[in-house]
Amino acid sequence: MSTEQQAPNPEWVTIIESILDQIRPALAEHAGDAKLLKIDGNKVFLELHGSCSGCPMSAMTFGVMVDEMIKEKIPEVEEVVYE
């Protein structure tokens, strides 16, 4: 069994960055931002920045919205993790 990590699917990266670009204006209104950290298998790891980081409401509303948007465009994604 290999321990090498596979490179993320570039199509997935493009789709996820496009989704984040769509929601960034709303996050910016609250002095926040979001970043794609990595894709590991069928898991997507995102990070919230600024005032959105650690805010339970932003994680909940942002999480639900972004999870749905990502899973709609990439049905193979099993989980979106916020770090």
N, C-alpha and C. Protein backbone atom coordinates (compact mmCIF):
# COMPACT_ATOMS: atom_id res chain seq x y z
N MET A 1 0.84 -1.19 0.00
CA MET A 1 0.00 0.00 0.00
C MET A 1 0.88 1.24 0.00
N SER A 2 0.62 2.16 -0.91
CA SER A 2 1.42 3.36 -1.05
C SER A 2 0.93 4.45 -0.10
N THR A 3 1.89 5.21 0.45
CA THR A 3 1.53 6.32 1.32
C THR A 3 1.57 7.65 0.57
N GLU A 4 1.89 7.59 -0.74
CA GLU A 4 1.92 8.82 -1.53
C GLU A 4 0.52 9.41 -1.68
N GLN A 5 0.44 10.71 -1.53
CA GLN A 5 -0.84 11.39 -1.70
C GLN A 5 -1.01 11.76 -3.17
N GLN A 6 -2.18 11.45 -3.71
CA GLN A 6 -2.46 11.78 -5.09
C GLN A 6 -2.75 13.28 -5.22
N ALA A 7 -2.37 13.82 -6.37
CA ALA A 7 -2.68 15.23 -6.64
C ALA A 7 -4.19 15.38 -6.75
N PRO A 8 -4.73 16.50 -6.25
CA PRO A 8 -6.18 16.70 -6.35
C PRO A 8 -6.61 16.83 -7.80
N ASN A 9 -7.82 16.43 -8.06
CA ASN A 9 -8.40 16.55 -9.39
C ASN A 9 -8.48 18.04 -9.74
N PRO A 10 -7.77 18.47 -10.81
CA PRO A 10 -7.77 19.91 -11.15
C PRO A 10 -9.15 20.45 -11.48
N GLU A 11 -10.03 19.60 -12.02
CA GLU A 11 -11.40 20.04 -12.30
C GLU A 11 -12.12 20.37 -11.00
N TRP A 12 -11.92 19.55 -9.97
CA TRP A 12 -12.53 19.82 -8.67
C TRP A 12 -12.04 21.14 -8.11
N VAL A 13 -10.73 21.38 -8.21
CA VAL A 13 -10.16 22.63 -7.69
C VAL A 13 -10.81 23.82 -8.39
N THR A 14 -10.94 23.76 -9.69
CA THR A 14 -11.56 24.85 -10.46
C THR A 14 -13.00 25.08 -10.02
N ILE A 15 -13.76 24.01 -9.85
CA ILE A 15 -15.17 24.13 -9.44
C ILE A 15 -15.27 24.72 -8.04
N ILE A 16 -14.47 24.21 -7.11
CA ILE A 16 -14.53 24.69 -5.73
C ILE A 16 -14.10 26.15 -5.64
N GLU A 17 -13.05 26.53 -6.35
CA GLU A 17 -12.62 27.93 -6.34
C GLU A 17 -13.70 28.83 -6.93
N SER A 18 -14.40 28.35 -7.95
CA SER A 18 -15.50 29.12 -8.54
C SER A 18 -16.63 29.32 -7.53
N ILE A 19 -16.94 28.29 -6.78
CA ILE A 19 -17.98 28.39 -5.75
C ILE A 19 -17.55 29.38 -4.67
N LEU A 20 -16.30 29.28 -4.22
CA LEU A 20 -15.81 30.21 -3.20
C LEU A 20 -15.83 31.65 -3.72
N ASP A 21 -15.50 31.84 -5.00
CA ASP A 21 -15.56 33.18 -5.58
C ASP A 21 -16.97 33.75 -5.54
N GLN A 22 -17.98 32.89 -5.68
CA GLN A 22 -19.38 33.33 -5.65
C GLN A 22 -19.79 33.81 -4.26
N ILE A 23 -19.25 33.17 -3.21
CA ILE A 23 -19.70 33.53 -1.86
C ILE A 23 -18.75 34.52 -1.16
N ARG A 24 -17.59 34.77 -1.76
CA ARG A 24 -16.64 35.70 -1.13
C ARG A 24 -17.20 37.10 -0.89
N PRO A 25 -17.98 37.67 -1.81
CA PRO A 25 -18.54 39.01 -1.51
C PRO A 25 -19.37 39.03 -0.23
N ALA A 26 -20.15 37.99 0.01
CA ALA A 26 -20.96 37.94 1.24
C ALA A 26 -20.06 37.81 2.46
N LEU A 27 -19.02 37.01 2.36
CA LEU A 27 -18.09 36.87 3.48
C LEU A 27 -17.34 38.17 3.72
N ALA A 28 -16.96 38.86 2.64
CA ALA A 28 -16.21 40.11 2.76
C ALA A 28 -17.03 41.18 3.47
N GLU A 29 -18.36 41.15 3.32
CA GLU A 29 -19.22 42.11 4.02
C GLU A 29 -19.09 41.98 5.53
N HIS A 30 -18.64 40.82 5.97
CA HIS A 30 -18.45 40.57 7.41
C HIS A 30 -16.97 40.42 7.75
N ALA A 31 -16.11 41.01 6.90
CA ALA A 31 -14.65 40.98 7.08
C ALA A 31 -14.11 39.56 7.14
N GLY A 32 -14.66 38.68 6.32
CA GLY A 32 -14.21 37.30 6.30
C GLY A 32 -13.81 36.83 4.92
N ASP A 33 -13.33 35.62 4.86
CA ASP A 33 -12.94 35.00 3.59
C ASP A 33 -12.87 33.49 3.81
N ALA A 34 -12.72 32.77 2.72
CA ALA A 34 -12.61 31.31 2.77
C ALA A 34 -11.53 30.87 1.81
N LYS A 35 -10.88 29.75 2.15
CA LYS A 35 -9.77 29.25 1.34
C LYS A 35 -9.87 27.74 1.23
N LEU A 36 -9.59 27.23 0.04
CA LEU A 36 -9.47 25.79 -0.17
C LEU A 36 -8.11 25.36 0.34
N LEU A 37 -8.08 24.50 1.35
CA LEU A 37 -6.82 24.02 1.90
C LEU A 37 -6.28 22.82 1.13
N LYS A 38 -7.15 21.82 0.95
CA LYS A 38 -6.72 20.61 0.25
C LYS A 38 -7.93 19.76 -0.09
N ILE A 39 -7.66 18.81 -0.97
CA ILE A 39 -8.63 17.78 -1.31
C ILE A 39 -7.93 16.46 -1.02
N ASP A 40 -8.53 15.66 -0.16
CA ASP A 40 -7.94 14.37 0.22
C ASP A 40 -8.96 13.29 -0.07
N GLY A 41 -8.74 12.55 -1.14
CA GLY A 41 -9.73 11.56 -1.55
C GLY A 41 -11.01 12.26 -1.96
N ASN A 42 -12.10 11.92 -1.28
CA ASN A 42 -13.40 12.54 -1.56
C ASN A 42 -13.78 13.55 -0.49
N LYS A 43 -12.79 14.05 0.25
CA LYS A 43 -13.02 15.08 1.27
C LYS A 43 -12.38 16.38 0.82
N VAL A 44 -13.12 17.46 1.04
CA VAL A 44 -12.65 18.80 0.71
C VAL A 44 -12.42 19.54 2.03
N PHE A 45 -11.26 20.14 2.17
CA PHE A 45 -10.91 20.87 3.39
C PHE A 45 -10.86 22.35 3.10
N LEU A 46 -11.67 23.13 3.83
CA LEU A 46 -11.74 24.58 3.67
C LEU A 46 -11.37 25.25 4.98
N GLU A 47 -10.98 26.50 4.88
CA GLU A 47 -10.64 27.28 6.06
C GLU A 47 -11.33 28.63 5.98
N LEU A 48 -11.93 29.05 7.07
CA LEU A 48 -12.54 30.38 7.16
C LEU A 48 -11.52 31.35 7.73
N HIS A 49 -11.50 32.58 7.22
CA HIS A 49 -10.56 33.61 7.66
C HIS A 49 -11.30 34.82 8.17
N GLY A 50 -10.57 35.68 8.85
CA GLY A 50 -11.11 36.95 9.32
C GLY A 50 -12.16 36.74 10.40
N SER A 51 -13.17 37.60 10.40
CA SER A 51 -14.18 37.52 11.44
C SER A 51 -15.05 36.27 11.32
N CYS A 52 -15.01 35.60 10.17
CA CYS A 52 -15.78 34.37 9.99
C CYS A 52 -15.13 33.19 10.71
N SER A 53 -13.84 33.29 10.95
CA SER A 53 -13.12 32.21 11.62
C SER A 53 -13.59 32.09 13.06
N GLY A 54 -14.08 30.94 13.42
CA GLY A 54 -14.52 30.69 14.78
C GLY A 54 -15.93 31.16 15.08
N CYS A 55 -16.60 31.79 14.14
CA CYS A 55 -17.97 32.25 14.35
C CYS A 55 -18.93 31.10 14.11
N PRO A 56 -19.69 30.68 15.13
CA PRO A 56 -20.60 29.55 14.94
C PRO A 56 -21.67 29.80 13.87
N MET A 57 -22.15 31.03 13.75
CA MET A 57 -23.18 31.32 12.76
C MET A 57 -22.62 31.24 11.34
N SER A 58 -21.42 31.79 11.13
CA SER A 58 -20.86 31.74 9.78
C SER A 58 -20.54 30.31 9.38
N ALA A 59 -20.02 29.53 10.32
CA ALA A 59 -19.72 28.13 10.01
C ALA A 59 -20.99 27.38 9.66
N MET A 60 -22.08 27.68 10.37
CA MET A 60 -23.33 26.98 10.11
C MET A 60 -23.94 27.42 8.77
N THR A 61 -24.11 28.72 8.58
CA THR A 61 -24.75 29.19 7.35
C THR A 61 -23.84 28.99 6.15
N PHE A 62 -22.58 29.34 6.30
CA PHE A 62 -21.61 29.14 5.23
C PHE A 62 -21.48 27.66 4.92
N GLY A 63 -21.37 26.86 5.98
CA GLY A 63 -21.18 25.42 5.79
C GLY A 63 -22.31 24.77 5.03
N VAL A 64 -23.52 25.05 5.41
CA VAL A 64 -24.68 24.44 4.75
C VAL A 64 -24.73 24.87 3.29
N MET A 65 -24.56 26.15 3.05
CA MET A 65 -24.64 26.67 1.68
C MET A 65 -23.52 26.10 0.81
N VAL A 66 -22.30 26.17 1.29
CA VAL A 66 -21.15 25.72 0.49
C VAL A 66 -21.17 24.20 0.32
N ASP A 67 -21.50 23.47 1.38
CA ASP A 67 -21.62 22.00 1.27
C ASP A 67 -22.56 21.63 0.13
N GLU A 68 -23.73 22.24 0.13
CA GLU A 68 -24.73 21.93 -0.90
C GLU A 68 -24.23 22.31 -2.29
N MET A 69 -23.60 23.47 -2.40
CA MET A 69 -23.11 23.91 -3.71
C MET A 69 -22.03 22.97 -4.24
N ILE A 70 -21.09 22.58 -3.37
CA ILE A 70 -20.01 21.69 -3.79
C ILE A 70 -20.56 20.32 -4.16
N LYS A 71 -21.42 19.77 -3.30
CA LYS A 71 -21.94 18.42 -3.55
C LYS A 71 -22.87 18.38 -4.76
N GLU A 72 -23.51 19.49 -5.07
CA GLU A 72 -24.35 19.56 -6.27
C GLU A 72 -23.49 19.50 -7.53
N LYS A 73 -22.36 20.22 -7.51
CA LYS A 73 -21.47 20.26 -8.68
C LYS A 73 -20.55 19.05 -8.77
N ILE A 74 -20.19 18.48 -7.59
CA ILE A 74 -19.27 17.33 -7.54
C ILE A 74 -19.89 16.27 -6.62
N PRO A 75 -20.79 15.45 -7.15
CA PRO A 75 -21.49 14.46 -6.31
C PRO A 75 -20.57 13.45 -5.62
N GLU A 76 -19.35 13.30 -6.13
CA GLU A 76 -18.42 12.35 -5.52
C GLU A 76 -17.88 12.83 -4.17
N VAL A 77 -18.00 14.13 -3.87
CA VAL A 77 -17.53 14.65 -2.60
C VAL A 77 -18.39 14.08 -1.48
N GLU A 78 -17.72 13.43 -0.52
CA GLU A 78 -18.43 12.81 0.60
C GLU A 78 -18.56 13.74 1.80
N GLU A 79 -17.57 14.64 1.96
CA GLU A 79 -17.57 15.49 3.14
C GLU A 79 -16.81 16.77 2.86
N VAL A 80 -17.30 17.87 3.44
CA VAL A 80 -16.59 19.14 3.41
C VAL A 80 -16.23 19.44 4.85
N VAL A 81 -14.92 19.60 5.10
CA VAL A 81 -14.39 19.79 6.45
C VAL A 81 -13.90 21.22 6.58
N TYR A 82 -14.24 21.86 7.69
CA TYR A 82 -13.80 23.24 7.97
C TYR A 82 -12.75 23.21 9.05
N GLU A 83 -11.59 23.73 8.74
CA GLU A 83 -10.49 23.73 9.71
C GLU A 83 -10.22 25.13 10.20
